Amino acid sequence: MSIQERTAPFHLKVAAAQLSGGRESAKAGKRLRFTSNISGSVYLLADLLCLAASAPLSLLAYKALVGSEVDMRLHAFALAVIACTFVFIRGSRNAYRLTLTNAGNDYGELVIDAAASNLVASAVVWQFGMIGHLSRAMPLLFFAVFATALVASRPLVRLVLHGLAGRGAIEQRIAFYGADLQSLELINRVIAAVELPHLRFVGVADDRPRIRAPAGFAFIGGCADLADLARRGGVDQILIAVPNLPRQRLHEIIEALSEVSVDVSLIPAEAIELAPDYRVRLLGTLPVLNLWQRPFRDFNQITKRAEDLVLGGIALLILAPLMLVCALLVRLSSPGPILFVQPRIGFNNELIHVLKFRTMYADQTDLHAATTTTRNDQRVTAVGRVLRRLSMDELPQLLNVLNGDMSLVGPRPHALEMKVEDRYYQDAVSGYVGRHRVRPGITGLAQVRGLRGEIRTLERAKQRVEFDRQYIENWSIWLDLRILLATAWTVFFDKNAY
C-alpha cells in the first residue's frame, strides 16, 4: 500500500481553505473557540457547583432526618474551609490541568479528597474551640451528598466536553513539521492512533528544498508560512516529527517559530515505534517512556494482598464443608491421592505448586500438561468431570492464595508444557510473559469473558493473553469484585469447561 493510500483519512481532516488565503481562519477567529486545555476549568467549575449544591441538600436532609436547625454561621465557615481545602488538594494533584486526552475516571481520588476536606474542616473547627457547636451528623451527611454529586458529575462533564468538541467550540489545530517519507510514515501512525473529536490536522510544513508532501497532505510551506498560519489563528500546536533531526537544526526551527504564540512539541521516533505500549512519566524533570511498570506497588500492593487474605479467608471458612465433601468423593471415586499438586509458572516467572482436587485416574495424571484435556477425556474420572465442570477442583487453590503464591483474581497460571497448536504458549503468543508481572489467580478476566477451559486455537490463546493484559493495566479492587461476581455466574452457565 502506498503512502498516499495509507494517509487518505488524513486528507478528510485537512482544512484546505486555510492554506489558500486564510479565509476560513478569519471566519473561525470570529467565533468563540477553546483548546482542550479548557477541560480543567470546566472540571473546576463542576466541582464548585457540586459544593454549592451539596450545602442546601445536606441541610434539607439533616432537617428531615434530625428535625432540628444547625448553627448556620459555623457550618458556613466549615463549608468555606471544605471548599478551599478540596480545591487545594485537587490542584496539588494537577486535576485541573486535564485535557480531553488525559481526563480519566478519577472517582476514587474524588471520594478520598472529599473525605480529606471534611476532616480538615472538622480539625479547624476543633482548633478554634467550636467543635461542641458542630453537628456530628452534618459532616457525614455533607460528605455523602458531596461525594455522590462529584461522582455523578464526571460522566456529565465528559458528555458536555465531547459535545463542545463535536461542534467545534473546543478544537485543537495541529500542524506537522517534516514532510520527508519517513516523517510522513510517523505522521500517518500518529493519525491512525488518535481518535479524538477536538483534534484537527491542518497540514505539514518543511523548509528543505525539493521536499513536498505527497497527495493526501495539505502542504503549508516552510517555517515562515507555518508561523504566519499560527499568527492568523490557523494552528494551535506544531509537532516536529523528523527522525534523527540534528540538534542545531532543531534549535533553528524552534527559533523561527518562537516569534508567534503557538505550542511547539517534539515527537521522538521511539514514541511512535512503541505506541501504544508505554506511558509517559517524569523522572525528576526528565520525561521517560515507561514500557513496563509494576502493576501493584505501594498502597495498591497492600490493598491487593489484604483483599486476598480477607476474601480468601472468608471463602475458605464458608467453603470448607463443601471441600470436605469433594475430598471424600475423590477418595471414593478411584485409588490415589486426594490432591493433585502441579508445578506451574507464577509471579515473576517463578515456579509455584498449584493445589487441585485430583480429577484423573492416578496412573494417568499429566503433571506438566503435555496433553491438553479434551471433552469426554478418558483420563478423567466420573467425579472428576463434575468437579471440573463446576470448577470445584480449583477450591484448594484458596490455600495457595493465603500462602501468597496466588491471588483470587489474576491471569490463570499455566502448566510447564502447555501448548496451543503444537507450540508452547510463550512461543506462540507475543507478549505472553507479561502476564507474569502479577500473581496468578483462581479466576480472571479472560475466564469471565468466555475463555474458560480448553484453548485449542491460536486466536483464542491470543484473546486470553490480551484479556490478561487488560486486567493488569486496568486493575482496581472494583474490577476484582466484578470478576468474582461474574465467576459465580460463569461456573453454572459456561459450557466450555470440562
Protein backbone atom coordinates (compact mmCIF):
# COMPACT_ATOMS: atom_id res chain seq x y z
CA MET A 1 0.00 0.00 0.00
CA SER A 2 1.39 3.42 -0.93
CA ILE A 3 1.84 6.29 1.50
CA GLN A 4 -0.86 8.19 -0.40
CA GLU A 5 -3.34 5.36 0.18
CA ARG A 6 -2.43 5.00 3.84
CA THR A 7 -2.90 8.70 4.51
CA ALA A 8 -6.28 9.03 2.82
CA PRO A 9 -8.19 9.56 6.12
CA PHE A 10 -5.89 12.47 6.94
CA HIS A 11 -6.95 14.29 3.79
CA LEU A 12 -10.51 14.42 5.06
CA LYS A 13 -9.42 16.36 8.16
CA VAL A 14 -7.27 18.94 6.38
CA ALA A 15 -8.61 22.48 6.21
CA ALA A 16 -7.57 23.24 2.64
CA ALA A 17 -9.27 26.63 2.65
CA GLN A 18 -7.00 27.71 5.48
CA LEU A 19 -4.00 27.39 3.23
CA SER A 20 -5.44 29.46 0.38
CA GLY A 21 -5.75 32.97 1.73
CA GLY A 22 -6.75 32.16 5.32
CA ARG A 23 -10.44 32.94 4.73
CA GLU A 24 -11.57 30.07 6.94
CA SER A 25 -9.18 31.19 9.69
CA ALA A 26 -10.62 34.67 9.62
CA LYS A 27 -14.15 33.35 9.91
CA ALA A 28 -13.17 30.90 12.63
CA GLY A 29 -11.47 33.65 14.58
CA LYS A 30 -14.79 35.47 14.99
CA ARG A 31 -16.45 32.63 16.81
CA LEU A 32 -15.55 31.53 20.31
CA ARG A 33 -13.14 28.61 20.26
CA PHE A 34 -11.15 26.96 23.03
CA THR A 35 -8.34 24.45 23.00
CA SER A 36 -8.63 21.23 25.01
CA ASN A 37 -6.93 22.93 27.98
CA ILE A 38 -10.32 24.44 28.84
CA SER A 39 -11.29 21.00 30.17
CA GLY A 40 -9.56 21.61 33.51
CA SER A 41 -11.51 24.83 34.05
CA VAL A 42 -14.77 23.03 33.24
CA TYR A 43 -13.98 20.35 35.80
CA LEU A 44 -13.17 23.03 38.39
CA LEU A 45 -16.49 24.78 37.68
CA ALA A 46 -18.32 21.45 38.01
CA ASP A 47 -16.68 20.79 41.39
CA LEU A 48 -17.63 24.25 42.66
CA LEU A 49 -21.22 23.71 41.53
CA CYS A 50 -21.24 20.38 43.38
CA LEU A 51 -20.02 22.16 46.50
CA ALA A 52 -22.68 24.86 46.19
CA ALA A 53 -25.47 22.34 45.59
CA SER A 54 -24.38 19.95 48.34
CA ALA A 55 -24.76 22.54 51.11
CA PRO A 56 -28.54 23.16 50.84
CA LEU A 57 -29.20 19.49 50.03
CA SER A 58 -27.33 18.45 53.17
CA LEU A 59 -29.30 20.95 55.26
CA LEU A 60 -32.60 19.64 53.89
CA ALA A 61 -31.53 16.05 54.59
CA TYR A 62 -30.43 16.99 58.12
CA LYS A 63 -33.71 18.72 58.88
CA ALA A 64 -35.70 15.76 57.52
CA LEU A 65 -33.68 13.17 59.45
CA VAL A 66 -32.86 15.01 62.70
CA GLY A 67 -35.64 17.58 62.78
CA SER A 68 -33.60 20.47 64.19
CA GLU A 69 -31.66 23.51 62.94
CA VAL A 70 -27.90 23.99 62.87
CA ASP A 71 -25.64 26.96 63.59
CA MET A 72 -25.60 28.46 60.10
CA ARG A 73 -22.56 30.71 60.65
CA LEU A 74 -20.40 27.89 61.97
CA HIS A 75 -21.46 25.48 59.24
CA ALA A 76 -20.96 28.15 56.57
CA PHE A 77 -17.43 28.62 57.92
CA ALA A 78 -16.87 24.84 57.78
CA LEU A 79 -18.17 24.80 54.18
CA ALA A 80 -15.70 27.54 53.21
CA VAL A 81 -12.85 25.52 54.73
CA ILE A 82 -14.00 22.39 52.87
CA ALA A 83 -14.18 24.30 49.57
CA CYS A 84 -10.71 25.83 49.93
CA THR A 85 -9.17 22.54 51.08
CA PHE A 86 -10.81 20.49 48.35
CA VAL A 87 -9.73 22.85 45.56
CA PHE A 88 -6.20 22.97 47.02
CA ILE A 89 -5.93 19.17 47.18
CA ARG A 90 -7.29 18.73 43.67
CA GLY A 91 -4.98 21.43 42.39
CA SER A 92 -1.98 19.74 44.01
CA ARG A 93 -2.90 16.59 42.07
CA ASN A 94 -2.95 18.64 38.82
CA ALA A 95 -6.57 17.56 38.48
CA TYR A 96 -7.49 20.89 36.87
CA ARG A 97 -4.84 20.65 34.19
CA LEU A 98 -6.78 17.99 32.35
CA THR A 99 -7.31 17.94 28.60
CA LEU A 100 -9.66 15.79 26.56
CA THR A 101 -6.76 13.40 26.01
CA ASN A 102 -6.00 12.70 29.69
CA ALA A 103 -9.31 13.25 31.50
CA GLY A 104 -9.76 9.96 33.35
CA ASN A 105 -12.13 8.23 35.69
CA ASP A 106 -10.73 9.62 38.95
CA TYR A 107 -13.70 8.54 41.09
CA GLY A 108 -11.57 7.06 43.86
CA GLU A 109 -9.43 10.19 44.17
CA LEU A 110 -12.56 12.36 44.22
CA VAL A 111 -14.07 10.50 47.17
CA ILE A 112 -10.76 10.47 49.07
CA ASP A 113 -10.25 14.21 48.50
CA ALA A 114 -13.81 14.96 49.62
CA ALA A 115 -13.27 12.93 52.82
CA ALA A 116 -9.92 14.64 53.49
CA SER A 117 -11.52 18.07 53.07
CA ASN A 118 -14.24 17.17 55.55
CA LEU A 119 -11.66 16.02 58.09
CA VAL A 120 -9.62 19.20 57.68
CA ALA A 121 -12.74 21.35 58.22
CA SER A 122 -13.58 19.43 61.41
CA ALA A 123 -9.99 19.84 62.63
CA VAL A 124 -10.09 23.60 62.00
CA VAL A 125 -13.40 23.96 63.86
CA TRP A 126 -11.97 21.93 66.76
CA GLN A 127 -8.83 24.11 66.76
CA PHE A 128 -10.98 27.21 67.19
CA GLY A 129 -12.77 25.58 70.14
CA MET A 130 -16.16 25.39 68.42
CA ILE A 131 -16.40 21.64 67.90
CA GLY A 132 -19.16 21.39 70.52
CA HIS A 133 -21.43 23.54 68.33
CA LEU A 134 -20.80 21.46 65.17
CA SER A 135 -23.41 18.84 64.49
CA ARG A 136 -21.93 15.33 64.35
CA ALA A 137 -24.38 14.19 61.70
CA MET A 138 -23.93 17.19 59.40
CA PRO A 139 -20.33 16.46 58.27
CA LEU A 140 -21.30 12.87 57.45
CA LEU A 141 -24.38 13.98 55.52
CA PHE A 142 -22.42 16.63 53.64
CA PHE A 143 -19.69 14.14 52.73
CA ALA A 144 -22.24 11.62 51.43
CA VAL A 145 -24.06 14.24 49.32
CA PHE A 146 -20.86 15.92 48.10
CA ALA A 147 -19.11 12.67 47.15
CA THR A 148 -22.22 11.45 45.32
CA ALA A 149 -22.52 14.74 43.43
CA LEU A 150 -18.85 14.64 42.42
CA VAL A 151 -19.03 11.08 41.11
CA ALA A 152 -22.31 11.76 39.28
CA SER A 153 -20.92 14.93 37.70
CA ARG A 154 -17.99 13.28 35.92
CA PRO A 155 -19.93 11.49 33.13
CA LEU A 156 -21.99 14.65 32.58
CA VAL A 157 -18.89 16.84 32.28
CA ARG A 158 -17.32 14.42 29.80
CA LEU A 159 -20.55 14.43 27.80
CA VAL A 160 -20.58 18.23 27.71
CA LEU A 161 -16.91 18.45 26.71
CA HIS A 162 -17.24 15.94 23.91
CA GLY A 163 -20.38 17.72 22.71
CA LEU A 164 -18.49 21.02 22.58
CA ALA A 165 -15.65 19.31 20.75
CA GLY A 166 -18.04 17.82 18.22
CA ARG A 167 -19.48 21.27 17.49
CA GLY A 168 -16.04 22.86 17.14
CA ALA A 169 -16.24 25.02 20.29
CA ILE A 170 -13.28 23.01 21.60
CA GLU A 171 -10.74 22.48 18.86
CA GLN A 172 -7.00 21.87 18.80
CA ARG A 173 -5.50 22.68 15.39
CA ILE A 174 -2.30 20.77 14.77
CA ALA A 175 0.33 21.05 12.05
CA PHE A 176 3.30 18.75 11.50
CA TYR A 177 6.81 19.82 10.60
CA GLY A 178 8.65 17.23 8.49
CA ALA A 179 7.49 16.16 5.02
CA ASP A 180 10.05 13.50 4.11
CA LEU A 181 8.80 9.97 3.55
CA GLN A 182 9.95 8.69 6.95
CA SER A 183 8.35 11.63 8.74
CA LEU A 184 5.09 11.09 6.88
CA GLU A 185 5.13 7.45 7.91
CA LEU A 186 5.37 8.61 11.54
CA ILE A 187 2.63 11.20 11.00
CA ASN A 188 0.36 8.58 9.47
CA ARG A 189 0.81 6.34 12.51
CA VAL A 190 0.03 9.26 14.83
CA ILE A 191 -3.19 9.99 12.92
CA ALA A 192 -4.21 6.31 12.90
CA ALA A 193 -3.75 6.13 16.69
CA VAL A 194 -5.62 9.37 17.50
CA GLU A 195 -9.41 9.31 17.55
CA LEU A 196 -10.33 12.49 19.40
CA PRO A 197 -13.08 14.80 18.15
CA HIS A 198 -11.29 18.03 19.11
CA LEU A 199 -8.12 17.43 17.08
CA ARG A 200 -7.92 18.96 13.61
CA PHE A 201 -4.87 18.38 11.45
CA VAL A 202 -4.25 21.32 9.13
CA GLY A 203 -1.23 20.12 7.13
CA VAL A 204 2.53 19.61 7.02
CA ALA A 205 5.45 22.01 6.58
CA ASP A 206 9.10 21.65 5.58
CA ASP A 207 11.89 24.04 4.59
CA ARG A 208 14.11 21.54 2.81
CA PRO A 209 14.39 22.00 -0.99
CA ARG A 210 12.60 19.61 -3.34
CA ILE A 211 10.54 18.16 -0.49
CA ARG A 212 6.82 18.39 -0.94
CA ALA A 213 4.06 16.44 0.73
CA PRO A 214 2.55 13.74 -1.50
CA ALA A 215 -1.10 13.62 -2.45
CA GLY A 216 -3.39 13.45 0.56
CA PHE A 217 -1.47 16.03 2.61
CA ALA A 218 -2.01 19.78 2.57
CA PHE A 219 1.42 21.39 2.25
CA ILE A 220 1.74 24.61 4.25
CA GLY A 221 5.22 25.68 3.22
CA GLY A 222 8.24 26.41 5.40
CA CYS A 223 8.69 27.76 8.93
CA ALA A 224 7.77 31.29 7.84
CA ASP A 225 4.48 30.08 6.34
CA LEU A 226 3.80 27.99 9.42
CA ALA A 227 4.41 30.99 11.68
CA ASP A 228 2.11 33.11 9.52
CA LEU A 229 -0.63 30.49 9.77
CA ALA A 230 -0.23 30.47 13.55
CA ARG A 231 -0.35 34.28 13.60
CA ARG A 232 -3.75 34.14 11.85
CA GLY A 233 -5.05 31.64 14.40
CA GLY A 234 -4.95 28.70 11.99
CA VAL A 235 -2.77 26.43 14.15
CA ASP A 236 -2.50 25.92 17.92
CA GLN A 237 0.25 23.32 18.10
CA ILE A 238 3.17 22.31 15.89
CA LEU A 239 4.52 18.79 16.17
CA ILE A 240 8.05 18.24 14.90
CA ALA A 241 8.23 14.71 13.54
CA VAL A 242 11.59 14.43 11.78
CA PRO A 243 13.59 11.34 12.79
CA ASN A 244 17.27 11.90 13.63
CA LEU A 245 16.94 15.68 13.41
CA PRO A 246 20.30 17.37 14.20
CA ARG A 247 20.26 19.45 17.37
CA GLN A 248 21.39 22.60 15.56
CA ARG A 249 18.56 22.29 13.02
CA LEU A 250 16.03 21.70 15.81
CA HIS A 251 17.13 24.92 17.53
CA GLU A 252 16.82 26.80 14.22
CA ILE A 253 13.26 25.58 13.73
CA ILE A 254 12.29 26.48 17.30
CA GLU A 255 13.86 29.92 16.89
CA ALA A 256 11.91 30.51 13.67
CA LEU A 257 8.63 29.56 15.36
CA SER A 258 9.25 31.40 18.63
CA GLU A 259 8.00 34.72 17.24
CA VAL A 260 4.37 33.59 17.34
CA SER A 261 2.14 32.29 20.15
CA VAL A 262 1.94 28.58 19.38
CA ASP A 263 2.80 25.33 21.16
CA VAL A 264 5.85 23.60 19.68
CA SER A 265 6.40 19.94 20.58
CA LEU A 266 8.81 17.22 19.52
CA ILE A 267 7.69 13.67 18.80
CA PRO A 268 10.57 11.23 19.42
CA ALA A 269 10.68 8.44 16.86
CA GLU A 270 10.56 5.91 19.73
CA ALA A 271 7.21 7.34 20.85
CA ILE A 272 5.71 6.28 17.52
CA GLU A 273 7.54 2.99 17.13
CA LEU A 274 6.50 1.77 20.58
CA ALA A 275 2.95 3.22 20.65
CA PRO A 276 0.67 2.48 22.39
CA ASP A 277 2.72 0.23 24.69
CA TYR A 278 4.06 2.86 27.06
CA ARG A 279 3.11 5.67 29.42
CA VAL A 280 4.91 8.98 29.76
CA ARG A 281 6.32 9.59 33.23
CA LEU A 282 8.66 12.15 34.78
CA LEU A 283 11.92 11.08 36.39
CA GLY A 284 12.52 14.34 38.22
CA THR A 285 12.17 16.77 35.33
CA LEU A 286 13.21 14.21 32.69
CA PRO A 287 10.36 12.70 30.64
CA VAL A 288 10.69 8.96 30.17
CA LEU A 289 8.66 6.36 28.28
CA ASN A 290 7.54 3.65 30.70
CA LEU A 291 7.38 0.46 28.66
CA TRP A 292 6.57 -1.84 31.58
CA GLN A 293 5.50 -0.94 35.08
CA ARG A 294 4.83 -2.90 38.21
CA PRO A 295 1.02 -3.07 38.40
CA PHE A 296 0.85 -3.48 42.18
CA ARG A 297 3.09 -1.20 44.21
CA ASP A 298 2.90 0.70 47.46
CA PHE A 299 -0.74 1.08 48.57
CA ASN A 300 -2.12 -0.97 45.64
CA GLN A 301 0.10 -3.87 46.66
CA ILE A 302 -1.18 -3.71 50.25
CA THR A 303 -4.79 -3.42 49.07
CA LYS A 304 -4.48 -6.39 46.72
CA ARG A 305 -2.92 -8.60 49.39
CA ALA A 306 -5.49 -7.52 52.01
CA GLU A 307 -8.27 -8.38 49.56
CA ASP A 308 -6.81 -11.86 49.05
CA LEU A 309 -6.38 -12.51 52.76
CA VAL A 310 -9.80 -11.21 53.82
CA LEU A 311 -11.95 -12.56 50.99
CA GLY A 312 -9.84 -15.70 50.63
CA GLY A 313 -10.11 -16.43 54.36
CA ILE A 314 -13.88 -15.88 54.34
CA ALA A 315 -14.28 -18.07 51.25
CA LEU A 316 -12.22 -20.85 52.85
CA LEU A 317 -14.37 -20.80 56.00
CA ILE A 318 -17.62 -20.86 54.04
CA LEU A 319 -16.50 -23.48 51.52
CA ALA A 320 -14.68 -25.77 53.97
CA PRO A 321 -17.68 -28.18 54.31
CA LEU A 322 -18.00 -28.38 50.51
CA MET A 323 -14.26 -29.02 50.19
CA LEU A 324 -14.51 -31.87 52.70
CA VAL A 325 -17.31 -33.44 50.62
CA CYS A 326 -15.24 -33.06 47.44
CA ALA A 327 -12.24 -34.65 49.15
CA LEU A 328 -14.36 -37.61 50.27
CA LEU A 329 -15.79 -38.11 46.77
CA VAL A 330 -12.33 -38.02 45.21
CA ARG A 331 -11.09 -40.60 47.72
CA LEU A 332 -14.04 -42.91 46.97
CA SER A 333 -14.00 -42.43 43.19
CA SER A 334 -10.61 -44.06 42.47
CA PRO A 335 -7.39 -45.04 44.21
CA GLY A 336 -4.80 -42.32 44.66
CA PRO A 337 -4.16 -39.05 46.48
CA ILE A 338 -6.94 -36.52 47.06
CA LEU A 339 -4.91 -33.55 45.92
CA PHE A 340 -3.09 -33.13 42.62
CA VAL A 341 -0.07 -30.85 43.08
CA GLN A 342 1.03 -29.40 39.75
CA PRO A 343 4.07 -27.18 39.06
CA ARG A 344 3.04 -24.04 37.19
CA ILE A 345 4.52 -20.67 36.27
CA GLY A 346 3.69 -17.91 38.75
CA PHE A 347 4.66 -14.40 39.75
CA ASN A 348 7.97 -13.15 38.29
CA ASN A 349 8.09 -16.28 36.10
CA GLU A 350 8.93 -18.42 39.14
CA LEU A 351 7.76 -21.94 39.79
CA ILE A 352 4.79 -22.46 42.12
CA HIS A 353 2.93 -25.61 43.13
CA VAL A 354 -0.79 -25.29 42.47
CA LEU A 355 -3.23 -27.41 44.50
CA LYS A 356 -6.25 -29.07 42.89
CA PHE A 357 -8.57 -31.91 43.73
CA ARG A 358 -7.44 -34.87 41.65
CA THR A 359 -9.86 -35.37 38.74
CA MET A 360 -7.96 -38.01 36.72
CA TYR A 361 -7.05 -41.61 37.45
CA ALA A 362 -3.84 -41.54 39.48
CA ASP A 363 -1.84 -43.54 36.91
CA GLN A 364 -2.93 -41.24 34.06
CA THR A 365 -2.33 -37.80 35.55
CA ASP A 366 -0.36 -35.38 33.38
CA LEU A 367 1.96 -33.44 35.70
CA HIS A 368 3.21 -30.94 33.10
CA ALA A 369 0.03 -30.79 30.92
CA ALA A 370 1.84 -32.04 27.85
CA THR A 371 -1.52 -33.33 26.56
CA THR A 372 -4.49 -30.97 26.59
CA THR A 373 -7.59 -32.19 28.40
CA THR A 374 -10.46 -32.62 25.92
CA ARG A 375 -14.18 -33.15 26.19
CA ASN A 376 -15.01 -36.71 27.29
CA ASP A 377 -11.33 -37.31 28.11
CA GLN A 378 -10.98 -40.93 29.19
CA ARG A 379 -8.38 -39.99 31.80
CA VAL A 380 -10.96 -38.04 33.84
CA THR A 381 -12.98 -39.88 36.49
CA ALA A 382 -16.76 -39.61 36.78
CA VAL A 383 -16.44 -37.48 39.93
CA GLY A 384 -13.68 -35.50 38.25
CA ARG A 385 -15.98 -34.48 35.39
CA VAL A 386 -18.43 -32.91 37.83
CA LEU A 387 -15.69 -31.17 39.78
CA ARG A 388 -14.09 -29.78 36.62
CA ARG A 389 -17.43 -28.70 35.16
CA LEU A 390 -18.24 -26.66 38.28
CA SER A 391 -14.59 -25.62 38.88
CA MET A 392 -14.74 -27.19 42.34
CA ASP A 393 -11.42 -28.90 41.61
CA GLU A 394 -9.85 -25.41 41.93
CA LEU A 395 -11.06 -24.82 45.51
CA PRO A 396 -7.83 -25.98 47.20
CA GLN A 397 -6.13 -23.04 45.49
CA LEU A 398 -7.61 -20.88 48.25
CA LEU A 399 -4.69 -22.28 50.28
CA ASN A 400 -2.32 -21.04 47.54
CA VAL A 401 -3.93 -17.62 47.88
CA LEU A 402 -3.48 -17.46 51.65
CA ASN A 403 0.09 -18.69 51.23
CA GLY A 404 0.85 -15.85 48.82
CA ASP A 405 1.56 -17.97 45.73
CA MET A 406 -1.66 -16.92 44.02
CA SER A 407 -4.37 -14.27 44.12
CA LEU A 408 -8.13 -14.63 43.99
CA VAL A 409 -8.18 -12.75 40.67
CA GLY A 410 -5.43 -12.66 38.09
CA PRO A 411 -4.19 -14.44 34.95
CA ARG A 412 -4.61 -18.19 35.25
CA PRO A 413 -1.28 -19.98 35.88
CA HIS A 414 -0.28 -22.29 33.05
CA ALA A 415 1.41 -25.67 33.32
CA LEU A 416 5.04 -26.01 32.23
CA GLU A 417 4.37 -27.75 28.92
CA MET A 418 1.03 -26.23 28.00
CA LYS A 419 0.71 -25.85 24.22
CA VAL A 420 -1.58 -24.33 21.62
CA GLU A 421 -1.49 -25.68 18.06
CA ASP A 422 1.58 -27.75 18.97
CA ARG A 423 3.56 -24.69 20.10
CA TYR A 424 4.38 -23.63 23.63
CA TYR A 425 2.29 -20.65 24.77
CA GLN A 426 5.30 -18.38 25.30
CA ASP A 427 6.48 -19.06 21.73
CA ALA A 428 3.06 -18.86 20.11
CA VAL A 429 1.68 -15.66 21.66
CA SER A 430 3.59 -12.38 21.60
CA GLY A 431 3.67 -10.62 24.98
CA TYR A 432 2.72 -13.81 26.82
CA VAL A 433 5.37 -13.48 29.54
CA GLY A 434 3.99 -10.04 30.53
CA ARG A 435 1.17 -11.81 32.37
CA HIS A 436 3.70 -12.97 34.97
CA ARG A 437 4.07 -9.43 36.33
CA VAL A 438 1.28 -10.19 38.80
CA ARG A 439 0.36 -13.20 40.92
CA PRO A 440 -1.76 -15.72 39.01
CA GLY A 441 -5.39 -16.02 40.01
CA ILE A 442 -8.01 -18.65 40.68
CA THR A 443 -10.19 -16.74 38.22
CA GLY A 444 -9.55 -13.88 35.84
CA LEU A 445 -10.95 -11.51 33.25
CA ALA A 446 -10.40 -13.99 30.42
CA GLN A 447 -12.36 -16.68 32.27
CA VAL A 448 -15.46 -14.49 32.68
CA ARG A 449 -15.23 -13.28 29.07
CA GLY A 450 -15.87 -16.71 27.58
CA LEU A 451 -12.30 -18.08 27.53
CA ARG A 452 -12.61 -20.60 30.34
CA GLY A 453 -11.47 -24.16 29.83
CA GLU A 454 -9.70 -25.65 26.83
CA ILE A 455 -7.92 -23.31 24.40
CA ARG A 456 -7.14 -25.15 21.17
CA THR A 457 -6.70 -22.32 18.65
CA LEU A 458 -4.01 -19.68 18.45
CA GLU A 459 -6.63 -16.96 18.06
CA ARG A 460 -8.33 -17.85 21.34
CA ALA A 461 -4.93 -18.07 23.05
CA LYS A 462 -4.12 -14.54 21.88
CA GLN A 463 -7.51 -13.32 23.11
CA ARG A 464 -6.89 -14.85 26.54
CA VAL A 465 -3.48 -13.15 26.83
CA GLU A 466 -4.98 -9.85 25.66
CA PHE A 467 -7.64 -10.05 28.40
CA ASP A 468 -4.91 -10.81 30.93
CA ARG A 469 -3.06 -7.73 29.77
CA GLN A 470 -6.19 -5.58 30.01
CA TYR A 471 -6.70 -6.78 33.56
CA ILE A 472 -3.14 -5.94 34.59
CA GLU A 473 -3.25 -2.46 33.05
CA ASN A 474 -6.71 -1.55 34.38
CA TRP A 475 -6.70 -3.24 37.77
CA SER A 476 -8.85 -1.90 40.57
CA ILE A 477 -10.47 -3.53 43.57
CA TRP A 478 -13.85 -2.88 41.92
CA LEU A 479 -12.74 -4.79 38.82
CA ASP A 480 -11.73 -7.71 41.05
CA LEU A 481 -15.14 -7.71 42.75
CA ARG A 482 -16.95 -7.65 39.39
CA ILE A 483 -14.86 -10.57 38.15
CA LEU A 484 -15.55 -12.57 41.32
CA LEU A 485 -19.30 -12.00 40.96
CA ALA A 486 -19.19 -12.86 37.25
CA THR A 487 -17.25 -16.04 38.06
CA ALA A 488 -20.15 -17.39 40.12
CA TRP A 489 -22.44 -16.96 37.10
CA THR A 490 -19.88 -18.45 34.69
CA VAL A 491 -19.39 -21.58 36.78
CA PHE A 492 -23.02 -22.62 36.30
CA PHE A 493 -23.71 -21.42 32.77
CA ASP A 494 -20.42 -21.73 30.88
CA LYS A 495 -20.23 -24.92 28.80
CA ASN A 496 -16.57 -24.55 27.81
CA ALA A 497 -15.21 -26.19 30.97
CA TYR A 498 -14.81 -29.97 31.12
